[in-house]
PDB file of N, CA and C in Angstrom:
ATOM      1  N   UNK A   1       4.869  -6.936 -13.664  1.00  0.00           N
ATOM      2  CA  UNK A   1       5.156  -5.845 -13.426  1.00  0.00           C
ATOM      3  C   UNK A   1       4.945  -5.218 -12.149  1.00  0.00           C
ATOM      4  N   UNK A   2       5.670  -4.112 -11.695  1.00  0.00           N
ATOM      5  CA  UNK A   2       5.830  -3.510 -10.667  1.00  0.00           C
ATOM      6  C   UNK A   2       5.112  -2.163 -10.894  1.00  0.00           C
ATOM      7  N   UNK A   3       5.780  -1.711  -9.058  1.00  0.00           N
ATOM      8  CA  UNK A   3       4.908  -0.507  -8.350  1.00  0.00           C
ATOM      9  C   UNK A   3       6.328   0.137  -8.086  1.00  0.00           C
ATOM     10  N   UNK A   4       7.280   1.666  -8.015  1.00  0.00           N
ATOM     11  CA  UNK A   4       7.843   1.658  -7.123  1.00  0.00           C
ATOM     12  C   UNK A   4       7.295   3.016  -6.654  1.00  0.00           C
ATOM     13  N   UNK A   5       7.978   3.513  -5.596  1.00  0.00           N
ATOM     14  CA  UNK A   5       7.799   4.483  -4.260  1.00  0.00           C
ATOM     15  C   UNK A   5       7.888   4.851  -3.393  1.00  0.00           C
ATOM     16  N   UNK A   6       9.004   6.414  -4.040  1.00  0.00           N
ATOM     17  CA  UNK A   6       9.624   6.435  -3.003  1.00  0.00           C
ATOM     18  C   UNK A   6       9.409   7.183  -1.306  1.00  0.00           C
ATOM     19  N   UNK A   7      10.224   6.429  -0.657  1.00  0.00           N
ATOM     20  CA  UNK A   7       9.584   6.617   0.536  1.00  0.00           C
ATOM     21  C   UNK A   7      10.791   7.198   1.336  1.00  0.00           C
ATOM     22  N   UNK A   8      10.766   7.916   2.896  1.00  0.00           N
ATOM     23  CA  UNK A   8      11.708   8.856   3.738  1.00  0.00           C
ATOM     24  C   UNK A   8      12.541   7.765   4.469  1.00  0.00           C
ATOM     25  N   UNK A   9      12.273   6.583   4.809  1.00  0.00           N
ATOM     26  CA  UNK A   9      12.064   5.837   5.911  1.00  0.00           C
ATOM     27  C   UNK A   9      12.047   4.272   5.818  1.00  0.00           C
ATOM     28  N   UNK A  10      13.076   3.546   4.837  1.00  0.00           N
ATOM     29  CA  UNK A  10      13.406   1.968   4.688  1.00  0.00           C
ATOM     30  C   UNK A  10      12.231   1.149   5.015  1.00  0.00           C
ATOM     31  N   UNK A  11      13.061   0.955   6.404  1.00  0.00           N
ATOM     32  CA  UNK A  11      12.607   0.335   7.347  1.00  0.00           C
ATOM     33  C   UNK A  11      11.078   0.296   8.298  1.00  0.00           C
ATOM     34  N   UNK A  12      10.811   1.751   8.315  1.00  0.00           N
ATOM     35  CA  UNK A  12       9.751   1.532   8.581  1.00  0.00           C
ATOM     36  C   UNK A  12       8.764   1.243   7.557  1.00  0.00           C
ATOM     37  N   UNK A  13       8.794   1.893   6.404  1.00  0.00           N
ATOM     38  CA  UNK A  13       7.802   1.425   5.263  1.00  0.00           C
ATOM     39  C   UNK A  13       7.982  -0.153   4.428  1.00  0.00           C
ATOM     40  N   UNK A  14       8.520  -0.325   4.831  1.00  0.00           N
ATOM     41  CA  UNK A  14       9.150  -1.783   4.648  1.00  0.00           C
ATOM     42  C   UNK A  14       8.312  -2.919   5.536  1.00  0.00           C
ATOM     43  N   UNK A  15       7.652  -2.118   6.756  1.00  0.00           N
ATOM     44  CA  UNK A  15       6.619  -2.657   8.057  1.00  0.00           C
ATOM     45  C   UNK A  15       5.457  -3.008   7.579  1.00  0.00           C
ATOM     46  N   UNK A  16       5.778  -1.459   7.221  1.00  0.00           N
ATOM     47  CA  UNK A  16       4.589  -1.009   6.910  1.00  0.00           C
ATOM     48  C   UNK A  16       3.024  -1.708   6.313  1.00  0.00           C
ATOM     49  N   UNK A  17       3.824  -2.390   5.358  1.00  0.00           N
ATOM     50  CA  UNK A  17       3.577  -2.768   4.278  1.00  0.00           C
ATOM     51  C   UNK A  17       3.237  -4.757   4.340  1.00  0.00           C
ATOM     52  N   UNK A  18       4.223  -4.648   5.605  1.00  0.00           N
ATOM     53  CA  UNK A  18       4.582  -6.072   5.177  1.00  0.00           C
ATOM     54  C   UNK A  18       3.942  -6.500   6.871  1.00  0.00           C
ATOM     55  N   UNK A  19       3.072  -5.447   7.214  1.00  0.00           N
ATOM     56  CA  UNK A  19       2.237  -5.404   8.972  1.00  0.00           C
ATOM     57  C   UNK A  19       1.083  -5.626   9.087  1.00  0.00           C
ATOM     58  N   UNK A  20       0.816  -4.441   8.436  1.00  0.00           N
ATOM     59  CA  UNK A  20      -0.365  -4.117   7.441  1.00  0.00           C
ATOM     60  C   UNK A  20      -1.153  -4.737   6.303  1.00  0.00           C
ATOM     61  N   UNK A  21      -0.908  -5.055   5.247  1.00  0.00           N
ATOM     62  CA  UNK A  21      -1.012  -5.454   4.604  1.00  0.00           C
ATOM     63  C   UNK A  21      -0.164  -7.356   3.019  1.00  0.00           C
ATOM     64  N   UNK A  22      -0.328  -7.439   4.697  1.00  0.00           N
ATOM     65  CA  UNK A  22       0.688  -9.046   4.305  1.00  0.00           C
ATOM     66  C   UNK A  22       2.113  -9.049   3.053  1.00  0.00           C
ATOM     67  N   UNK A  23       2.988  -8.312   2.621  1.00  0.00           N
ATOM     68  CA  UNK A  23       3.650  -8.324   2.036  1.00  0.00           C
ATOM     69  C   UNK A  23       4.665  -8.635   2.376  1.00  0.00           C
ATOM     70  N   UNK A  24       5.596  -9.244   1.881  1.00  0.00           N
ATOM     71  CA  UNK A  24       6.465 -10.161   2.213  1.00  0.00           C
ATOM     72  C   UNK A  24       7.933  -9.816   1.177  1.00  0.00           C
ATOM     73  N   UNK A  25       8.724  -9.598   2.142  1.00  0.00           N
ATOM     74  CA  UNK A  25       9.930  -9.126   1.280  1.00  0.00           C
ATOM     75  C   UNK A  25      10.703 -10.784   0.511  1.00  0.00           C
ATOM     76  N   UNK A  26      11.331  -9.912  -0.273  1.00  0.00           N
ATOM     77  CA  UNK A  26      12.095 -10.764  -1.498  1.00  0.00           C
ATOM     78  C   UNK A  26      13.400 -10.379  -2.413  1.00  0.00           C
ATOM     79  N   UNK A  27      13.522  -9.152  -1.934  1.00  0.00           N
ATOM     80  CA  UNK A  27      15.336  -8.484  -2.630  1.00  0.00           C
ATOM     81  C   UNK A  27      14.743  -7.407  -1.592  1.00  0.00           C
ATOM     82  N   UNK A  28      16.342  -7.312  -1.178  1.00  0.00           N
ATOM     83  CA  UNK A  28      16.909  -6.325  -0.518  1.00  0.00           C
ATOM     84  C   UNK A  28      18.121  -5.790  -0.863  1.00  0.00           C
ATOM     85  N   UNK A  29      18.776  -4.532  -0.846  1.00  0.00           N
ATOM     86  CA  UNK A  29      19.877  -4.115  -1.304  1.00  0.00           C
ATOM     87  C   UNK A  29      20.171  -2.998  -0.673  1.00  0.00           C
ATOM     88  N   UNK A  30      21.181  -3.278   0.257  1.00  0.00           N
ATOM     89  CA  UNK A  30      21.106  -2.030   1.967  1.00  0.00           C
ATOM     90  C   UNK A  30      21.663  -1.150   1.050  1.00  0.00           C
ATOM     91  N   UNK A  31      22.766  -1.629   0.060  1.00  0.00           N
ATOM     92  CA  UNK A  31      23.942  -0.052  -0.326  1.00  0.00           C
ATOM     93  C   UNK A  31      22.494   1.027  -0.914  1.00  0.00           C
ATOM     94  N   UNK A  32      22.061   0.293  -1.846  1.00  0.00           N
ATOM     95  CA  UNK A  32      21.419   1.117  -2.296  1.00  0.00           C
ATOM     96  C   UNK A  32      20.007   1.731  -1.967  1.00  0.00           C
ATOM     97  N   UNK A  33      19.799   1.077  -0.552  1.00  0.00           N
ATOM     98  CA  UNK A  33      18.867   1.293  -0.193  1.00  0.00           C
ATOM     99  C   UNK A  33      17.259   1.298  -1.079  1.00  0.00           C
ATOM    100  N   UNK A  34      17.088  -0.016  -1.378  1.00  0.00           N
ATOM    101  CA  UNK A  34      15.240  -0.420  -1.660  1.00  0.00           C
ATOM    102  C   UNK A  34      15.166  -1.564  -1.157  1.00  0.00           C
ATOM    103  N   UNK A  35      14.210  -2.329  -1.393  1.00  0.00           N
ATOM    104  CA  UNK A  35      13.431  -3.548  -0.945  1.00  0.00           C
ATOM    105  C   UNK A  35      12.542  -3.753  -2.516  1.00  0.00           C
ATOM    106  N   UNK A  36      12.395  -4.786  -2.339  1.00  0.00           N
ATOM    107  CA  UNK A  36      11.219  -5.626  -3.532  1.00  0.00           C
ATOM    108  C   UNK A  36      10.127  -6.297  -2.693  1.00  0.00           C
ATOM    109  N   UNK A  37       9.663  -6.197  -2.636  1.00  0.00           N
ATOM    110  CA  UNK A  37       8.007  -6.483  -1.483  1.00  0.00           C
ATOM    111  C   UNK A  37       7.327  -7.261  -2.991  1.00  0.00           C
ATOM    112  N   UNK A  38       6.191  -8.423  -2.488  1.00  0.00           N
ATOM    113  CA  UNK A  38       5.389  -9.279  -2.966  1.00  0.00           C
ATOM    114  C   UNK A  38       4.371  -9.532  -1.726  1.00  0.00           C
ATOM    115  N   UNK A  39       2.981  -9.751  -2.614  1.00  0.00           N
ATOM    116  CA  UNK A  39       1.751 -10.588  -1.921  1.00  0.00           C
ATOM    117  C   UNK A  39       0.643 -10.556  -3.335  1.00  0.00           C
ATOM    118  N   UNK A  40       0.642 -12.037  -3.605  1.00  0.00           N
ATOM    119  CA  UNK A  40      -0.445 -12.352  -4.508  1.00  0.00           C
ATOM    120  C   UNK A  40      -0.195 -12.208  -5.545  1.00  0.00           C
ATOM    121  N   UNK A  41       0.947 -11.723  -6.121  1.00  0.00           N
ATOM    122  CA  UNK A  41       1.090 -11.742  -7.723  1.00  0.00           C
ATOM    123  C   UNK A  41       1.772 -10.398  -7.434  1.00  0.00           C
ATOM    124  N   UNK A  42       1.463  -9.549  -6.424  1.00  0.00           N
ATOM    125  CA  UNK A  42       1.942  -7.607  -6.599  1.00  0.00           C
ATOM    126  C   UNK A  42       3.301  -7.210  -6.122  1.00  0.00           C
ATOM    127  N   UNK A  43       4.334  -6.361  -7.156  1.00  0.00           N
ATOM    128  CA  UNK A  43       5.120  -6.590  -6.115  1.00  0.00           C
ATOM    129  C   UNK A  43       5.420  -5.324  -5.964  1.00  0.00           C
ATOM    130  N   UNK A  44       5.478  -4.744  -5.472  1.00  0.00           N
ATOM    131  CA  UNK A  44       5.832  -2.893  -4.809  1.00  0.00           C
ATOM    132  C   UNK A  44       7.786  -3.342  -4.649  1.00  0.00           C
ATOM    133  N   UNK A  45       7.718  -2.381  -4.847  1.00  0.00           N
ATOM    134  CA  UNK A  45       9.394  -1.418  -4.396  1.00  0.00           C
ATOM    135  C   UNK A  45       9.136  -0.228  -3.663  1.00  0.00           C
ATOM    136  N   UNK A  46      10.442  -0.195  -3.200  1.00  0.00           N
ATOM    137  CA  UNK A  46      10.599   0.823  -2.181  1.00  0.00           C
ATOM    138  C   UNK A  46      11.607   1.353  -1.901  1.00  0.00           C
ATOM    139  N   UNK A  47      12.233   2.378  -2.618  1.00  0.00           N
ATOM    140  CA  UNK A  47      13.105   2.816  -2.077  1.00  0.00           C
ATOM    141  C   UNK A  47      13.167   3.710  -1.192  1.00  0.00           C
ATOM    142  N   UNK A  48      14.844   4.067  -0.402  1.00  0.00           N
ATOM    143  CA  UNK A  48      14.657   5.414   0.387  1.00  0.00           C
ATOM    144  C   UNK A  48      15.493   6.509  -0.491  1.00  0.00           C
ATOM    145  N   UNK A  49      14.557   7.850  -0.465  1.00  0.00           N
ATOM    146  CA  UNK A  49      15.375   8.991  -0.813  1.00  0.00           C
ATOM    147  C   UNK A  49      15.161  10.126   0.075  1.00  0.00           C
ATOM    148  N   UNK A  50      15.523  10.608   0.040  1.00  0.00           N
ATOM    149  CA  UNK A  50      15.990  11.905   1.015  1.00  0.00           C
ATOM    150  C   UNK A  50      15.227  12.446   1.147  1.00  0.00           C
ATOM    151  N   UNK A  51      14.205  13.548   0.661  1.00  0.00           N
ATOM    152  CA  UNK A  51      13.006  14.264   0.058  1.00  0.00           C
ATOM    153  C   UNK A  51      11.795  13.375   0.312  1.00  0.00           C
ATOM    154  N   UNK A  52      11.798  11.315   0.707  1.00  0.00           N
ATOM    155  CA  UNK A  52      11.191  11.334   0.932  1.00  0.00           C
ATOM    156  C   UNK A  52      10.122  10.306  -0.647  1.00  0.00           C
ATOM    157  N   UNK A  53       8.525  11.181  -0.468  1.00  0.00           N
ATOM    158  CA  UNK A  53       8.049  10.422  -1.300  1.00  0.00           C
ATOM    159  C   UNK A  53       7.529  12.083  -2.436  1.00  0.00           C
ATOM    160  N   UNK A  54       7.403  11.779  -3.521  1.00  0.00           N
ATOM    161  CA  UNK A  54       7.061  12.930  -4.682  1.00  0.00           C
ATOM    162  C   UNK A  54       5.303  13.057  -4.322  1.00  0.00           C
ATOM    163  N   UNK A  55       5.284  14.342  -5.305  1.00  0.00           N
ATOM    164  CA  UNK A  55       4.135  13.728  -5.868  1.00  0.00           C
ATOM    165  C   UNK A  55       4.186  13.390  -7.263  1.00  0.00           C
ATOM    166  N   UNK A  56       2.951  12.107  -6.881  1.00  0.00           N
ATOM    167  CA  UNK A  56       3.027  10.891  -8.481  1.00  0.00           C
ATOM    168  C   UNK A  56       1.471  10.937  -7.978  1.00  0.00           C
ATOM    169  N   UNK A  57       1.033   9.807  -9.396  1.00  0.00           N
ATOM    170  CA  UNK A  57       0.171  10.183  -9.715  1.00  0.00           C
ATOM    171  C   UNK A  57      -0.311   8.296  -9.306  1.00  0.00           C
ATOM    172  N   UNK A  58       1.636   7.563  -9.244  1.00  0.00           N
ATOM    173  CA  UNK A  58       0.794   6.089  -8.841  1.00  0.00           C
ATOM    174  C   UNK A  58      -0.526   5.835  -7.879  1.00  0.00           C
ATOM    175  N   UNK A  59      -0.794   4.647  -8.285  1.00  0.00           N
ATOM    176  CA  UNK A  59      -1.855   3.904  -7.334  1.00  0.00           C
ATOM    177  C   UNK A  59      -1.616   2.558  -6.321  1.00  0.00           C
ATOM    178  N   UNK A  60      -1.247   1.873  -6.094  1.00  0.00           N
ATOM    179  CA  UNK A  60      -1.313   0.873  -5.688  1.00  0.00           C
ATOM    180  C   UNK A  60      -2.377   0.341  -5.341  1.00  0.00           C
ATOM    181  N   UNK A  61      -3.295  -0.662  -6.153  1.00  0.00           N
ATOM    182  CA  UNK A  61      -4.523  -1.371  -6.157  1.00  0.00           C
ATOM    183  C   UNK A  61      -4.199  -3.164  -5.247  1.00  0.00           C
ATOM    184  N   UNK A  62      -4.258  -3.208  -4.226  1.00  0.00           N
ATOM    185  CA  UNK A  62      -4.925  -3.976  -4.093  1.00  0.00           C
ATOM    186  C   UNK A  62      -6.583  -4.616  -3.642  1.00  0.00           C
ATOM    187  N   UNK A  63      -6.434  -5.743  -4.271  1.00  0.00           N
ATOM    188  CA  UNK A  63      -7.736  -6.676  -4.308  1.00  0.00           C
ATOM    189  C   UNK A  63      -7.846  -6.528  -2.416  1.00  0.00           C
ATOM    190  N   UNK A  64      -8.997  -7.548  -1.653  1.00  0.00           N
ATOM    191  CA  UNK A  64      -9.164  -7.822  -0.586  1.00  0.00           C
ATOM    192  C   UNK A  64     -11.299  -7.996  -0.720  1.00  0.00           C
ATOM    193  N   UNK A  65     -10.646  -8.972   0.433  1.00  0.00           N
ATOM    194  CA  UNK A  65     -12.417  -9.779   0.281  1.00  0.00           C
ATOM    195  C   UNK A  65     -13.377  -8.260   0.860  1.00  0.00           C
ATOM    196  N   UNK A  66     -12.984  -7.989   1.481  1.00  0.00           N
ATOM    197  CA  UNK A  66     -14.419  -6.601   2.443  1.00  0.00           C
ATOM    198  C   UNK A  66     -13.569  -5.784   2.965  1.00  0.00           C
ATOM    199  N   UNK A  67     -13.961  -4.955   2.239  1.00  0.00           N
ATOM    200  CA  UNK A  67     -13.031  -3.421   2.301  1.00  0.00           C
ATOM    201  C   UNK A  67     -13.812  -2.527   3.158  1.00  0.00           C
ATOM    202  N   UNK A  68     -15.063  -2.895   3.743  1.00  0.00           N
ATOM    203  CA  UNK A  68     -15.640  -2.235   4.794  1.00  0.00           C
ATOM    204  C   UNK A  68     -15.180  -2.295   6.747  1.00  0.00           C
ATOM    205  N   UNK A  69     -14.584  -4.500   6.828  1.00  0.00           N
ATOM    206  CA  UNK A  69     -13.937  -4.402   6.809  1.00  0.00           C
ATOM    207  C   UNK A  69     -11.969  -3.994   7.460  1.00  0.00           C
ATOM    208  N   UNK A  70     -11.656  -3.991   5.498  1.00  0.00           N
ATOM    209  CA  UNK A  70     -10.190  -2.981   5.823  1.00  0.00           C
ATOM    210  C   UNK A  70     -10.263  -1.798   6.354  1.00  0.00           C
ATOM    211  N   UNK A  71     -11.349  -1.511   6.571  1.00  0.00           N
ATOM    212  CA  UNK A  71     -11.210   0.693   7.045  1.00  0.00           C
ATOM    213  C   UNK A  71     -11.437   0.412   8.355  1.00  0.00           C
ATOM    214  N   UNK A  72     -12.432  -0.713   8.698  1.00  0.00           N
ATOM    215  CA  UNK A  72     -11.792  -0.325  10.247  1.00  0.00           C
ATOM    216  C   UNK A  72     -11.125  -1.138  11.023  1.00  0.00           C
ATOM    217  N   UNK A  73     -10.990  -2.140  10.426  1.00  0.00           N
ATOM    218  CA  UNK A  73      -9.490  -2.736  10.876  1.00  0.00           C
ATOM    219  C   UNK A  73      -8.124  -1.849  10.771  1.00  0.00           C
ATOM    220  N   UNK A  74      -8.167  -1.037   9.912  1.00  0.00           N
ATOM    221  CA  UNK A  74      -6.867  -0.284   9.388  1.00  0.00           C
ATOM    222  C   UNK A  74      -7.039   1.029  10.223  1.00  0.00           C
ATOM    223  N   UNK A  75      -8.289   1.599  10.128  1.00  0.00           N
ATOM    224  CA  UNK A  75      -8.281   2.711  11.857  1.00  0.00           C
ATOM    225  C   UNK A  75      -8.138   3.234  13.121  1.00  0.00           C
ATOM    226  N   UNK A  76      -8.291   1.503  13.121  1.00  0.00           N
ATOM    227  CA  UNK A  76      -8.109   1.032  14.705  1.00  0.00           C
ATOM    228  C   UNK A  76      -6.490   1.051  14.785  1.00  0.00           C
ATOM    229  N   UNK A  77      -5.652   1.154  13.453  1.00  0.00           N
ATOM    230  CA  UNK A  77      -4.617   0.150  13.412  1.00  0.00           C
ATOM    231  C   UNK A  77      -3.853   2.359  13.770  1.00  0.00           C
ATOM    232  N   UNK A  78      -4.157   2.781  13.336  1.00  0.00           N
ATOM    233  CA  UNK A  78      -4.137   4.198  12.988  1.00  0.00           C
ATOM    234  C   UNK A  78      -3.783   4.762  11.841  1.00  0.00           C
ATOM    235  N   UNK A  79      -3.976   4.345  10.432  1.00  0.00           N
ATOM    236  CA  UNK A  79      -3.357   4.024   9.330  1.00  0.00           C
ATOM    237  C   UNK A  79      -4.455   5.120   8.683  1.00  0.00           C
ATOM    238  N   UNK A  80      -4.024   5.937   8.267  1.00  0.00           N
ATOM    239  CA  UNK A  80      -4.575   6.615   7.242  1.00  0.00           C
ATOM    240  C   UNK A  80      -5.208   6.609   6.135  1.00  0.00           C
ATOM    241  N   UNK A  81      -6.443   6.738   5.773  1.00  0.00           N
ATOM    242  CA  UNK A  81      -7.960   6.105   5.752  1.00  0.00           C
ATOM    243  C   UNK A  81      -8.732   6.992   4.814  1.00  0.00           C
ATOM    244  N   UNK A  82      -9.592   6.942   3.852  1.00  0.00           N
ATOM    245  CA  UNK A  82     -10.008   7.356   3.430  1.00  0.00           C
ATOM    246  C   UNK A  82     -11.619   6.979   3.484  1.00  0.00           C
ATOM    247  N   UNK A  83     -12.349   7.505   2.541  1.00  0.00           N
ATOM    248  CA  UNK A  83     -13.970   6.978   2.258  1.00  0.00           C
ATOM    249  C   UNK A  83     -14.287   5.549   1.864  1.00  0.00           C
ATOM    250  N   UNK A  84     -14.648   4.635   2.638  1.00  0.00           N
ATOM    251  CA  UNK A  84     -15.459   4.139   1.505  1.00  0.00           C
ATOM    252  C   UNK A  84     -16.177   4.367   0.500  1.00  0.00           C
ATOM    253  N   UNK A  85     -16.180   4.278  -0.683  1.00  0.00           N
ATOM    254  CA  UNK A  85     -17.154   4.687  -1.902  1.00  0.00           C
ATOM    255  C   UNK A  85     -17.368   3.639  -2.183  1.00  0.00           C
ATOM    256  N   UNK A  86     -18.219   2.991  -3.254  1.00  0.00           N
ATOM    257  CA  UNK A  86     -19.450   2.212  -3.339  1.00  0.00           C
ATOM    258  C   UNK A  86     -20.280   2.510  -4.964  1.00  0.00           C
ATOM    259  N   UNK A  87     -20.254   1.706  -5.757  1.00  0.00           N
ATOM    260  CA  UNK A  87     -20.564   1.104  -6.735  1.00  0.00           C
ATOM    261  C   UNK A  87     -21.272   0.683  -6.714  1.00  0.00           C
ATOM    262  N   UNK A  88     -23.016   0.439  -6.739  1.00  0.00           N
ATOM    263  CA  UNK A  88     -24.306  -0.715  -6.265  1.00  0.00           C
ATOM    264  C   UNK A  88     -23.616  -1.642  -7.220  1.00  0.00           C
ATOM    265  N   UNK A  89     -23.115  -3.028  -6.744  1.00  0.00           N
ATOM    266  CA  UNK A  89     -23.732  -4.599  -7.614  1.00  0.00           C
ATOM    267  C   UNK A  89     -22.800  -4.715  -8.597  1.00  0.00           C
ATOM    268  N   UNK A  90     -21.725  -3.629  -8.202  1.00  0.00           N
ATOM    269  CA  UNK A  90     -20.038  -3.230  -9.306  1.00  0.00           C
ATOM    270  C   UNK A  90     -19.042  -3.548  -7.849  1.00  0.00           C
ATOM    271  N   UNK A  91     -18.789  -2.146  -7.477  1.00  0.00           N
ATOM    272  CA  UNK A  91     -17.274  -2.773  -6.723  1.00  0.00           C
ATOM    273  C   UNK A  91     -17.284  -1.716  -5.641  1.00  0.00           C
ATOM    274  N   UNK A  92     -16.431  -2.086  -4.218  1.00  0.00           N
ATOM    275  CA  UNK A  92     -16.410  -0.866  -3.347  1.00  0.00           C
ATOM    276  C   UNK A  92     -15.386  -0.403  -3.475  1.00  0.00           C
ATOM    277  N   UNK A  93     -14.390   0.418  -2.912  1.00  0.00           N
ATOM    278  CA  UNK A  93     -13.613   1.021  -3.161  1.00  0.00           C
ATOM    279  C   UNK A  93     -12.862   1.920  -2.276  1.00  0.00           C
ATOM    280  N   UNK A  94     -11.491   2.186  -1.393  1.00  0.00           N
ATOM    281  CA  UNK A  94     -10.981   2.410  -0.296  1.00  0.00           C
ATOM    282  C   UNK A  94      -9.082   3.218  -0.447  1.00  0.00           C
ATOM    283  N   UNK A  95      -9.595   4.625  -0.697  1.00  0.00           N
ATOM    284  CA  UNK A  95      -8.010   4.892  -0.745  1.00  0.00           C
ATOM    285  C   UNK A  95      -7.555   5.166   1.192  1.00  0.00           C
ATOM    286  N   UNK A  96      -5.937   4.175   1.022  1.00  0.00           N
ATOM    287  CA  UNK A  96      -5.347   4.276   2.291  1.00  0.00           C
ATOM    288  C   UNK A  96      -3.573   5.207   1.577  1.00  0.00           C
ATOM    289  N   UNK A  97      -3.186   5.011   2.608  1.00  0.00           N
ATOM    290  CA  UNK A  97      -2.006   5.895   3.105  1.00  0.00           C
ATOM    291  C   UNK A  97      -1.254   5.237   3.237  1.00  0.00           C
ATOM    292  N   UNK A  98       0.370   4.415   2.960  1.00  0.00           N
ATOM    293  CA  UNK A  98       1.435   4.733   3.856  1.00  0.00           C
ATOM    294  C   UNK A  98       2.548   5.934   4.120  1.00  0.00           C
ATOM    295  N   UNK A  99       3.221   5.858   5.625  1.00  0.00           N
ATOM    296  CA  UNK A  99       3.510   6.833   6.275  1.00  0.00           C
ATOM    297  C   UNK A  99       4.234   7.703   5.450  1.00  0.00           C
ATOM    298  N   UNK A 100       4.954   7.400   3.973  1.00  0.00           N
ATOM    299  CA  UNK A 100       4.835   8.813   2.688  1.00  0.00           C
ATOM    300  C   UNK A 100       4.158   9.219   2.367  1.00  0.00           C
ATOM    301  N   UNK A 101       2.081   8.981   2.396  1.00  0.00           N
ATOM    302  CA  UNK A 101       1.870   9.933   1.345  1.00  0.00           C
ATOM    303  C   UNK A 101       1.629   9.078   0.142  1.00  0.00           C
ATOM    304  N   UNK A 102       2.298   7.964  -0.403  1.00  0.00           N
ATOM    305  CA  UNK A 102       2.252   7.160  -1.337  1.00  0.00           C
ATOM    306  C   UNK A 102       0.472   6.465  -1.588  1.00  0.00           C
ATOM    307  N   UNK A 103      -0.257   6.805  -2.451  1.00  0.00           N
ATOM    308  CA  UNK A 103      -1.514   5.668  -2.058  1.00  0.00           C
ATOM    309  C   UNK A 103      -1.684   4.189  -2.570  1.00  0.00           C
ATOM    310  N   UNK A 104      -2.827   3.580  -1.899  1.00  0.00           N
ATOM    311  CA  UNK A 104      -3.054   1.812  -2.233  1.00  0.00           C
ATOM    312  C   UNK A 104      -4.376   2.270  -2.018  1.00  0.00           C
ATOM    313  N   UNK A 105      -4.797   1.708  -3.000  1.00  0.00           N
ATOM    314  CA  UNK A 105      -6.377   1.731  -2.813  1.00  0.00           C
ATOM    315  C   UNK A 105      -6.659   0.480  -2.749  1.00  0.00           C
ATOM    316  N   UNK A 106      -7.503   0.187  -2.288  1.00  0.00           N
ATOM    317  CA  UNK A 106      -8.357  -1.316  -1.655  1.00  0.00           C
ATOM    318  C   UNK A 106      -9.333  -1.632  -3.246  1.00  0.00           C
ATOM    319  N   UNK A 107      -9.140  -2.414  -3.267  1.00  0.00           N
ATOM    320  CA  UNK A 107     -10.600  -2.990  -3.920  1.00  0.00           C
ATOM    321  C   UNK A 107     -11.041  -4.226  -3.873  1.00  0.00           C
ATOM    322  N   UNK A 108     -13.504  -4.049  -4.098  1.00  0.00           N
ATOM    323  CA  UNK A 108     -14.020  -5.404  -3.668  1.00  0.00           C
ATOM    324  C   UNK A 108     -14.394  -5.291  -4.251  1.00  0.00           C
ATOM    325  N   UNK A 109     -14.890  -6.432  -5.845  1.00  0.00           N
ATOM    326  CA  UNK A 109     -15.203  -6.973  -6.290  1.00  0.00           C
ATOM    327  C   UNK A 109     -17.181  -7.255  -6.353  1.00  0.00           C
ATOM    328  N   UNK A 110     -18.095  -6.501  -6.707  1.00  0.00           N
ATOM    329  CA  UNK A 110     -19.243  -7.053  -5.724  1.00  0.00           C
ATOM    330  C   UNK A 110     -19.673  -8.089  -6.464  1.00  0.00           C
ATOM    331  N   UNK A 111     -18.844  -7.951  -8.093  1.00  0.00           N
ATOM    332  CA  UNK A 111     -20.540  -8.687  -8.883  1.00  0.00           C
ATOM    333  C   UNK A 111     -21.253  -9.492  -8.875  1.00  0.00           C
TER     334      UNK A 111
END
């Protein structure tokens, strides 16, 4: 299973996913202007489109060891980050947005 995001600048958004979250490029179609990236079995495909990202309800969820530490790291790097939300003894969540506004939700299991 994979998630597909429309982006306005394929190169910079690919770098964002690689540098920020450790994704690795496994396929590139330069003519079609899209790439496939993988991280720990999670697959995201980025396709360059003139209008960039549109309104979408899609959310890429990534599990991390420490949501609060990731929030601090990402804020320091200038990434658009929301507020850490916690359901006590259950889960911690954080919304993060790529350069085109696509939503990535970081999760930490607290159970």
